[in-house]
Amino acid sequence: MGKLEIDVNEIKKLVELVEKHHLAELTVEHADVSVTVKGKASRPAVQVAASEHPSPAPAPAASEHVAQEFVPNEPAPALDGNIVDIVAPLVGVFYRAPAPDAPPCVDVGDVVEVGTEVGLIEAMKVFSPIPSEVAGEVVEIPGQNGKLVREGEVLVRVRVNQE
């Protein structure tokens, strides 16, 4: 095996992504190099592995999402009629259910509490749960199952409880 060349700036970007999105783990594979950045520690750990005969890793099933501790953010501002948008916190594929054969996390008409999982986003083989930031009734689900979403794109709309 020859000398392994690693761009330290690219590794720093991966660490920043893990910290910014509070990911438990992020793995990036390219050719015969695999870089894993693990969060949830005081400092993210970085592992770099290389092999002369890489074998493709199987894609995880949607049910194998990474569990994360819910840390409530500032609730999104209410729109007309006390409607609050729950938006994508990062770019990735939005899934309404934790597995292809599982029921959706939420449907229109469901009542959600703060922290209720409304879906998942897969980014770089890591599944991140999307929690509701407010309590109320789901009135619309603009996020399409299995489709790419961008950061800030509306996934679910909730009419907040009047209390």
Foldseek 3Di string as FASTA:
>chain_A
DDDDDDDVVVVVVVQVVCVQVVAQKAWDDDDFKIWMWGDPDPGIDIDIDGDPDDDDDDQDFLLPADDGDDDADPFADADPQQKGFQWAQAKFAKAQCSGPPGDGQDDAFDWFAFFRFRTWGDDNSHIDTRTHNATAGWHDAPRDHGDIDHHGHGGTMGRHDDD
